[in-house]
Amino acid sequence: MTEADERQMLDAIQKWIGKKVAPVAMQLEHDDVWPAELVEDMKELGLFGALIDPEYGGLGLSAATYSKIVMMIAEEWMSLTGIFNSHLMMAQIVQRFGTAKQKEYWLPRFATGEIRGGLGLTEPDAGTDLQAIRTTAKRVGDKYVINGAKTWISNAIQGHASALLVKTDPAAEPRYKGMSMLIVTKTDPETGAALPGIRNGKKLEKLGYKGIDSGEFVFEDYECDAELSLVGGEEGQGFFMATGGLEIGRINIAARSVGIARRALRESVAYAQTRKTMGKPICEHQAIQLKLGDMAARTRAAELLVEDAARAYDTGARIDMEAGMAKYFASETAVEVATEAMRIHGGYGYSKEYVIERLYRDAPLMCIGEGTNEMQRIIIAKQLVKRNPV
């Protein structure tokens, strides 16, 4: 994509944000309503195929361009970015690791948004420690039979599919060698009929991140076709597929965090020029100037870390450290900038009539999603040592 093409795409998305998203975001978020019309718009814009290769009907965007789109949308309403990012993490697993037949079957459907989904990793007793999962898939002839439960899955209720991490060999040592990745659907991709053995649990209520559904999957003797479902056609590779898929997820979380920080900064700069105390705008008080200066510097630094990680991802190299640094710093920045924005706004920052309280609620999730920041710091340190042996 040329620079002119990128600019044209970004301009089109910015116009859509202003015309369609901005007028409804606050109400949809407060009501916690699935944004069905906006999802249809995102299908038309090609966002569900943003990172899918053009040969399969996708846009084939670079991570650098994709991250810019995420920042823009998150600046208006962060929840929307989760709807297509979770889906693209599933799609990237198929695109990077799937067989030729799996790519031809799944990716065109993923690219159009006909089949939407997410990543099914987390379980009630397994989050950061993925090797502790208990969901099993047993090979029976040309099918897998799945039993278990997943939780905190984005798009679980309104979506149709999941890249599901399972144990195909529960007795394997080390544990990761017994893990595989399967593509599973709630309905038959050909007929649309509901499939037996899979159901949604409850919709999980959240502090923020409204509009997008976070839910549960329960599997009871669910059957899926082995050839189409077992990503890569080989058991025991699921752990590496899951952790590889999280790289683009962490860049996305970092980009979302930048969007939150940008909006909080923008709102604060505007408010500080109109709100007066002691006969002058509060932006002329040194205490507020110190806050704004720090917020601006941190937000820009977070942007640059995201750009750095996205460019590294586009090279095809392993980027645990770059993605971890971007995710860690940008998410902590989002929390800090949103908090300072609330303080600058005073009582209005605490009011649901202003966007600040939403940013304040949304920001903490960025420190948790796609791997906690505590884990990111460990990953950064380990990679730092590994890359600089003595």
Protein backbone atom coordinates (compact mmCIF):
# COMPACT_ATOMS: atom_id res chain seq x y z
CA MET A 1 0.00 0.00 0.00
CA THR A 2 1.36 3.38 -1.01
CA GLU A 3 1.44 6.33 1.35
CA ALA A 4 -1.39 7.94 -0.67
CA ASP A 5 -3.51 4.77 -0.38
CA GLU A 6 -2.92 4.65 3.35
CA ARG A 7 -3.89 8.30 3.73
CA GLN A 8 -7.06 7.73 1.72
CA MET A 9 -8.03 4.77 3.90
CA LEU A 10 -7.32 6.63 7.13
CA ASP A 11 -9.33 9.61 5.91
CA ALA A 12 -12.30 7.37 5.06
CA ILE A 13 -12.20 5.77 8.50
CA GLN A 14 -11.89 9.16 10.19
CA LYS A 15 -14.98 10.39 8.34
CA TRP A 16 -16.88 7.26 9.38
CA ILE A 17 -15.86 7.79 12.99
CA GLY A 18 -17.09 11.37 12.93
CA LYS A 19 -20.34 10.61 11.10
CA LYS A 20 -21.39 7.24 12.51
CA VAL A 21 -19.45 6.43 15.69
CA ALA A 22 -19.18 9.72 17.59
CA PRO A 23 -22.95 10.44 17.70
CA VAL A 24 -23.84 7.04 19.23
CA ALA A 25 -20.77 5.81 21.13
CA MET A 26 -21.62 7.26 24.53
CA GLN A 27 -25.21 5.99 24.53
CA LEU A 28 -24.28 2.52 23.26
CA GLU A 29 -21.50 2.30 25.82
CA HIS A 30 -23.66 3.37 28.74
CA ASP A 31 -26.44 0.98 27.69
CA ASP A 32 -23.88 -1.81 27.03
CA VAL A 33 -25.53 -2.53 23.67
CA TRP A 34 -23.96 -4.61 20.89
CA PRO A 35 -23.28 -2.05 18.09
CA ALA A 36 -24.85 -4.08 15.27
CA GLU A 37 -25.00 -1.24 12.74
CA LEU A 38 -21.39 -0.23 13.36
CA VAL A 39 -20.28 -3.85 12.97
CA GLU A 40 -21.93 -3.91 9.55
CA ASP A 41 -20.08 -0.71 8.70
CA MET A 42 -16.80 -2.30 9.76
CA LYS A 43 -17.53 -5.25 7.48
CA GLU A 44 -18.04 -2.82 4.59
CA LEU A 45 -14.79 -1.01 5.46
CA GLY A 46 -12.95 -4.33 5.33
CA LEU A 47 -11.73 -4.18 8.92
CA PHE A 48 -12.43 -7.86 9.59
CA GLY A 49 -9.98 -8.65 6.80
CA ALA A 50 -7.49 -5.89 7.61
CA LEU A 51 -4.52 -8.23 8.13
CA ILE A 52 -5.67 -11.06 5.86
CA ASP A 53 -3.81 -11.42 2.56
CA PRO A 54 -5.57 -10.03 -0.56
CA GLU A 55 -5.54 -13.48 -2.20
CA TYR A 56 -8.10 -14.52 0.43
CA GLY A 57 -10.17 -11.35 0.13
CA GLY A 58 -8.48 -9.29 2.85
CA LEU A 59 -6.87 -5.86 2.76
CA GLY A 60 -3.38 -7.18 3.53
CA LEU A 61 -2.50 -4.15 5.64
CA SER A 62 0.83 -3.84 7.40
CA ALA A 63 0.80 -3.86 11.18
CA ALA A 64 2.01 -0.26 11.00
CA THR A 65 -1.09 0.87 9.09
CA TYR A 66 -3.37 -1.36 11.15
CA SER A 67 -2.12 0.12 14.42
CA LYS A 68 -2.89 3.63 13.15
CA ILE A 69 -6.47 2.56 12.43
CA VAL A 70 -6.80 1.07 15.91
CA MET A 71 -5.53 4.27 17.54
CA MET A 72 -8.03 6.37 15.59
CA ILE A 73 -11.05 4.23 16.44
CA ALA A 74 -10.01 3.74 20.08
CA GLU A 75 -9.75 7.51 20.45
CA GLU A 76 -13.51 7.67 19.85
CA TRP A 77 -14.71 4.33 21.30
CA MET A 78 -12.20 1.71 22.37
CA SER A 79 -14.71 -1.18 22.49
CA LEU A 80 -15.08 -1.25 18.69
CA THR A 81 -11.42 -2.13 18.23
CA GLY A 82 -11.83 -5.27 20.32
CA ILE A 83 -14.53 -6.60 18.01
CA PHE A 84 -12.24 -6.83 15.00
CA ASN A 85 -8.92 -7.33 16.80
CA SER A 86 -10.01 -10.50 18.59
CA HIS A 87 -11.30 -11.74 15.26
CA LEU A 88 -8.03 -10.93 13.49
CA MET A 89 -6.00 -12.78 16.11
CA MET A 90 -7.97 -15.90 15.18
CA ALA A 91 -7.49 -15.18 11.48
CA GLN A 92 -3.75 -14.61 11.86
CA ILE A 93 -3.33 -18.03 13.46
CA VAL A 94 -4.89 -19.64 10.39
CA GLN A 95 -2.95 -17.41 8.00
CA ARG A 96 0.41 -18.02 9.67
CA PHE A 97 0.08 -21.68 10.62
CA GLY A 98 -2.85 -23.22 8.74
CA THR A 99 -2.72 -25.74 5.91
CA ALA A 100 -3.47 -24.61 2.35
CA LYS A 101 -6.95 -26.14 2.59
CA GLN A 102 -7.65 -24.42 5.92
CA LYS A 103 -6.59 -21.05 4.55
CA GLU A 104 -8.77 -21.45 1.46
CA TYR A 105 -11.75 -22.53 3.56
CA TRP A 106 -11.60 -20.14 6.52
CA LEU A 107 -9.83 -16.94 5.47
CA PRO A 108 -12.28 -15.71 2.80
CA ARG A 109 -15.13 -16.13 5.31
CA PHE A 110 -13.11 -14.37 8.00
CA ALA A 111 -12.15 -11.52 5.65
CA THR A 112 -15.73 -10.55 4.85
CA GLY A 113 -16.88 -10.85 8.45
CA GLU A 114 -19.34 -13.59 7.40
CA ILE A 115 -17.71 -15.66 10.15
CA ARG A 116 -16.44 -13.58 13.06
CA GLY A 117 -14.81 -14.79 16.23
CA GLY A 118 -11.92 -14.59 18.61
CA LEU A 119 -9.29 -16.45 20.56
CA GLY A 120 -10.37 -19.12 23.05
CA LEU A 121 -7.50 -19.40 25.50
CA THR A 122 -8.61 -18.42 29.01
CA GLU A 123 -10.28 -20.84 31.38
CA PRO A 124 -11.57 -20.41 34.96
CA ASP A 125 -8.25 -21.74 36.32
CA ALA A 126 -5.92 -20.81 33.44
CA GLY A 127 -5.16 -17.28 32.30
CA THR A 128 -1.55 -16.17 32.18
CA ASP A 129 -0.53 -19.81 32.76
CA LEU A 130 -1.84 -21.19 29.47
CA GLN A 131 -0.29 -24.58 30.09
CA ALA A 132 -2.81 -25.11 32.90
CA ILE A 133 -5.80 -25.39 30.52
CA ARG A 134 -8.07 -28.41 30.97
CA THR A 135 -10.24 -28.35 27.85
CA THR A 136 -9.55 -31.58 25.94
CA ALA A 137 -9.93 -32.68 22.33
CA LYS A 138 -9.84 -36.41 21.63
CA ARG A 139 -9.28 -37.70 18.09
CA VAL A 140 -12.04 -40.13 17.07
CA GLY A 141 -11.70 -41.15 13.44
CA ASP A 142 -11.75 -38.03 11.27
CA LYS A 143 -13.16 -35.84 14.04
CA TYR A 144 -12.18 -34.29 17.36
CA VAL A 145 -14.48 -34.54 20.36
CA ILE A 146 -14.09 -31.54 22.69
CA ASN A 147 -15.01 -31.22 26.36
CA GLY A 148 -14.31 -28.30 28.68
CA ALA A 149 -15.02 -24.61 29.23
CA LYS A 150 -13.52 -21.26 28.24
CA THR A 151 -14.15 -17.85 29.79
CA TRP A 152 -13.42 -14.17 29.11
CA ILE A 153 -13.70 -14.78 25.38
CA SER A 154 -14.32 -11.67 23.27
CA ASN A 155 -17.03 -12.15 20.61
CA ALA A 156 -18.15 -15.37 22.31
CA ILE A 157 -21.84 -14.48 22.17
CA GLN A 158 -22.24 -12.33 19.05
CA GLY A 159 -19.45 -14.11 17.15
CA HIS A 160 -19.52 -17.41 15.34
CA ALA A 161 -16.12 -19.06 15.78
CA SER A 162 -13.02 -19.41 17.93
CA ALA A 163 -9.42 -20.45 17.63
CA LEU A 164 -9.57 -22.84 20.55
CA LEU A 165 -6.54 -23.92 22.58
CA VAL A 166 -7.02 -27.50 23.79
CA LYS A 167 -5.15 -30.44 25.29
CA THR A 168 -4.85 -33.24 22.74
CA ASP A 169 -2.39 -35.07 25.00
CA PRO A 170 -3.14 -34.21 28.66
CA ALA A 171 -0.29 -36.43 29.88
CA ALA A 172 2.44 -34.78 27.80
CA GLU A 173 5.60 -33.47 29.48
CA PRO A 174 6.42 -30.67 29.27
CA ARG A 175 2.78 -29.63 29.25
CA TYR A 176 2.97 -27.36 26.20
CA LYS A 177 3.77 -30.33 23.96
CA GLY A 178 0.28 -31.68 24.51
CA MET A 179 -1.52 -28.53 23.35
CA SER A 180 -3.15 -27.99 19.95
CA MET A 181 -5.19 -25.27 18.23
CA LEU A 182 -8.58 -25.98 16.69
CA ILE A 183 -10.95 -23.74 14.73
CA VAL A 184 -14.45 -24.37 16.06
CA THR A 185 -17.79 -22.81 15.14
CA LYS A 186 -21.15 -22.48 16.88
CA THR A 187 -23.02 -22.98 13.61
CA ASP A 188 -22.42 -24.96 10.44
CA PRO A 189 -20.49 -22.63 8.06
CA GLU A 190 -22.39 -24.04 5.07
CA THR A 191 -25.98 -24.14 6.39
CA GLY A 192 -25.92 -21.78 9.38
CA ALA A 193 -27.59 -24.44 11.54
CA ALA A 194 -26.69 -24.50 15.25
CA LEU A 195 -24.23 -27.26 16.13
CA PRO A 196 -24.74 -29.58 19.11
CA GLY A 197 -22.28 -29.80 21.98
CA ILE A 198 -21.36 -26.11 22.17
CA ARG A 199 -23.17 -23.39 24.09
CA ASN A 200 -22.52 -20.00 25.57
CA GLY A 201 -22.38 -19.51 29.30
CA LYS A 202 -23.20 -16.17 30.84
CA LYS A 203 -22.31 -12.77 29.45
CA LEU A 204 -19.68 -11.32 31.79
CA GLU A 205 -20.43 -7.90 33.24
CA LYS A 206 -17.46 -5.53 33.19
CA LEU A 207 -16.35 -2.22 34.68
CA GLY A 208 -15.66 -0.84 31.22
CA TYR A 209 -15.17 -2.21 27.70
CA LYS A 210 -18.92 -2.05 27.15
CA GLY A 211 -20.78 -2.91 23.96
CA ILE A 212 -18.50 -5.81 23.02
CA ASP A 213 -19.54 -9.10 24.56
CA SER A 214 -17.18 -11.04 26.79
CA GLY A 215 -18.56 -14.48 27.46
CA GLU A 216 -18.09 -18.18 28.07
CA PHE A 217 -18.00 -21.32 25.93
CA VAL A 218 -19.05 -24.71 27.28
CA PHE A 219 -18.20 -27.85 25.28
CA GLU A 220 -19.91 -31.19 25.92
CA ASP A 221 -18.89 -33.85 23.39
CA TYR A 222 -18.66 -31.21 20.66
CA GLU A 223 -17.47 -32.66 17.35
CA CYS A 224 -15.48 -30.91 14.62
CA ASP A 225 -13.82 -32.04 11.41
CA ALA A 226 -10.15 -32.79 12.09
CA GLU A 227 -8.83 -31.79 8.65
CA LEU A 228 -10.45 -28.36 8.70
CA SER A 229 -10.12 -27.69 12.42
CA LEU A 230 -6.64 -28.80 13.54
CA VAL A 231 -4.56 -25.75 12.60
CA GLY A 232 -1.48 -26.83 10.67
CA GLY A 233 -2.64 -30.46 10.59
CA GLU A 234 -0.28 -31.42 13.41
CA GLU A 235 -0.94 -31.86 17.11
CA GLY A 236 1.29 -30.35 19.79
CA GLN A 237 1.85 -26.94 18.17
CA GLY A 238 -0.97 -25.01 19.82
CA PHE A 239 1.01 -23.29 22.55
CA PHE A 240 3.37 -21.66 20.05
CA MET A 241 0.44 -20.63 17.84
CA ALA A 242 -1.29 -19.02 20.80
CA THR A 243 1.75 -17.08 21.95
CA GLY A 244 2.54 -16.08 18.36
CA GLY A 245 -1.02 -14.80 17.91
CA LEU A 246 -0.67 -12.68 21.03
CA GLU A 247 2.04 -10.55 19.42
CA ILE A 248 -0.42 -8.71 17.16
CA GLY A 249 -2.87 -8.66 20.06
CA ARG A 250 -0.37 -6.86 22.25
CA ILE A 251 0.35 -4.32 19.52
CA ASN A 252 -3.39 -3.79 19.27
CA ILE A 253 -3.74 -3.32 23.03
CA ALA A 254 -0.88 -0.81 22.92
CA ALA A 255 -2.55 1.05 20.04
CA ARG A 256 -5.87 1.09 21.90
CA SER A 257 -4.06 2.50 24.92
CA VAL A 258 -2.62 5.29 22.80
CA GLY A 259 -6.11 6.09 21.55
CA ILE A 260 -7.40 6.35 25.13
CA ALA A 261 -4.45 8.55 26.15
CA ARG A 262 -4.81 10.80 23.10
CA ARG A 263 -8.50 11.38 23.81
CA ALA A 264 -7.88 12.06 27.49
CA LEU A 265 -5.13 14.53 26.59
CA ARG A 266 -7.22 16.23 23.92
CA GLU A 267 -10.18 16.65 26.24
CA SER A 268 -7.91 17.98 29.00
CA VAL A 269 -6.18 20.56 26.80
CA ALA A 270 -9.56 21.87 25.61
CA TYR A 271 -11.12 21.94 29.08
CA ALA A 272 -8.08 23.62 30.64
CA GLN A 273 -8.50 26.55 28.24
CA THR A 274 -12.18 27.11 29.04
CA ARG A 275 -12.36 26.37 32.76
CA LYS A 276 -11.36 29.40 34.85
CA THR A 277 -10.25 29.71 38.46
CA MET A 278 -8.87 32.75 40.22
CA GLY A 279 -9.68 34.89 37.21
CA LYS A 280 -7.78 32.95 34.53
CA PRO A 281 -8.00 29.69 32.56
CA ILE A 282 -6.60 26.76 34.54
CA CYS A 283 -4.10 26.09 31.73
CA GLU A 284 -2.27 29.16 33.02
CA HIS A 285 -1.80 27.59 36.44
CA GLN A 286 1.55 25.85 36.76
CA ALA A 287 0.03 22.81 38.50
CA ILE A 288 -2.11 22.09 35.42
CA GLN A 289 0.74 22.87 33.03
CA LEU A 290 2.91 20.24 34.74
CA LYS A 291 0.16 17.66 34.30
CA LEU A 292 -0.42 18.49 30.64
CA GLY A 293 3.29 18.46 29.84
CA ASP A 294 3.76 15.04 31.40
CA MET A 295 0.62 13.64 29.74
CA ALA A 296 1.74 14.86 26.31
CA ALA A 297 5.26 13.45 26.60
CA ARG A 298 4.07 10.04 27.79
CA THR A 299 1.41 9.80 25.11
CA ARG A 300 3.90 10.57 22.35
CA ALA A 301 6.41 8.09 23.76
CA ALA A 302 3.71 5.42 23.77
CA GLU A 303 2.89 6.21 20.12
CA LEU A 304 6.52 5.73 19.14
CA LEU A 305 6.77 2.40 20.95
CA VAL A 306 3.70 1.18 19.08
CA GLU A 307 5.20 2.29 15.78
CA ASP A 308 8.44 0.51 16.65
CA ALA A 309 6.66 -2.76 17.53
CA ALA A 310 4.44 -2.63 14.43
CA ARG A 311 7.41 -2.13 12.11
CA ALA A 312 9.21 -5.02 13.79
CA TYR A 313 6.13 -7.24 13.37
CA ASP A 314 6.06 -6.43 9.65
CA THR A 315 9.57 -7.86 9.24
CA GLY A 316 8.31 -11.28 10.31
CA ALA A 317 10.80 -11.51 13.16
CA ARG A 318 10.01 -12.64 16.68
CA ILE A 319 9.00 -9.52 18.60
CA ASP A 320 8.17 -10.63 22.16
CA MET A 321 10.22 -7.78 23.59
CA GLU A 322 9.04 -5.02 21.24
CA ALA A 323 5.36 -5.95 21.58
CA GLY A 324 5.76 -6.36 25.34
CA MET A 325 7.42 -2.97 25.74
CA ALA A 326 4.74 -1.22 23.69
CA LYS A 327 1.90 -2.95 25.51
CA TYR A 328 3.36 -2.36 28.96
CA PHE A 329 4.29 1.30 28.56
CA ALA A 330 1.27 2.37 26.51
CA SER A 331 -1.26 0.73 28.83
CA GLU A 332 0.31 2.22 31.96
CA THR A 333 0.32 5.56 30.14
CA ALA A 334 -3.39 5.22 29.35
CA VAL A 335 -4.19 4.66 33.02
CA GLU A 336 -2.05 7.57 34.17
CA VAL A 337 -3.26 10.02 31.52
CA ALA A 338 -6.93 9.09 32.03
CA THR A 339 -6.52 9.55 35.78
CA GLU A 340 -4.88 12.95 35.38
CA ALA A 341 -7.61 13.94 32.92
CA MET A 342 -10.23 13.18 35.55
CA ARG A 343 -8.38 15.34 38.08
CA ILE A 344 -8.07 18.21 35.61
CA HIS A 345 -11.82 18.02 34.92
CA GLY A 346 -12.68 17.89 38.60
CA GLY A 347 -16.30 16.97 39.26
CA TYR A 348 -17.10 16.96 35.54
CA GLY A 349 -14.54 14.20 35.04
CA TYR A 350 -16.59 12.03 37.39
CA SER A 351 -19.83 12.72 35.52
CA LYS A 352 -21.30 10.31 32.98
CA GLU A 353 -22.13 13.28 30.79
CA TYR A 354 -18.45 13.58 29.86
CA VAL A 355 -16.23 11.05 28.11
CA ILE A 356 -13.50 11.17 30.80
CA GLU A 357 -15.18 8.69 33.14
CA ARG A 358 -15.39 6.15 30.29
CA LEU A 359 -11.70 6.52 29.52
CA TYR A 360 -10.98 6.12 33.23
CA ARG A 361 -12.93 2.83 33.27
CA ASP A 362 -11.57 1.49 29.98
CA ALA A 363 -7.88 2.15 30.63
CA PRO A 364 -7.22 -0.47 33.38
CA LEU A 365 -8.24 -3.31 31.08
CA MET A 366 -5.29 -2.44 28.85
CA CYS A 367 -2.94 -3.42 31.70
CA ILE A 368 -4.58 -6.86 31.91
CA GLY A 369 -5.61 -7.85 28.38
CA GLU A 370 -3.35 -10.06 26.22
CA GLY A 371 -1.06 -10.79 29.16
CA THR A 372 -0.72 -8.78 32.34
CA ASN A 373 1.87 -6.03 32.57
CA GLU A 374 3.68 -7.99 35.26
CA MET A 375 4.17 -10.75 32.70
CA GLN A 376 5.24 -8.24 30.03
CA ARG A 377 8.05 -6.99 32.26
CA ILE A 378 9.28 -10.55 32.78
CA ILE A 379 9.15 -11.22 29.02
CA ILE A 380 11.06 -8.01 28.31
CA ALA A 381 13.77 -8.89 30.82
CA LYS A 382 14.18 -12.45 29.55
CA GLN A 383 14.43 -11.33 25.94
CA LEU A 384 16.85 -8.58 26.90
CA VAL A 385 19.18 -11.12 28.50
CA LYS A 386 18.74 -13.63 25.67
CA ARG A 387 19.61 -11.01 23.03
CA ASN A 388 22.64 -9.71 24.92
CA PRO A 389 24.64 -12.73 26.15
CA VAL A 390 28.05 -12.16 27.74
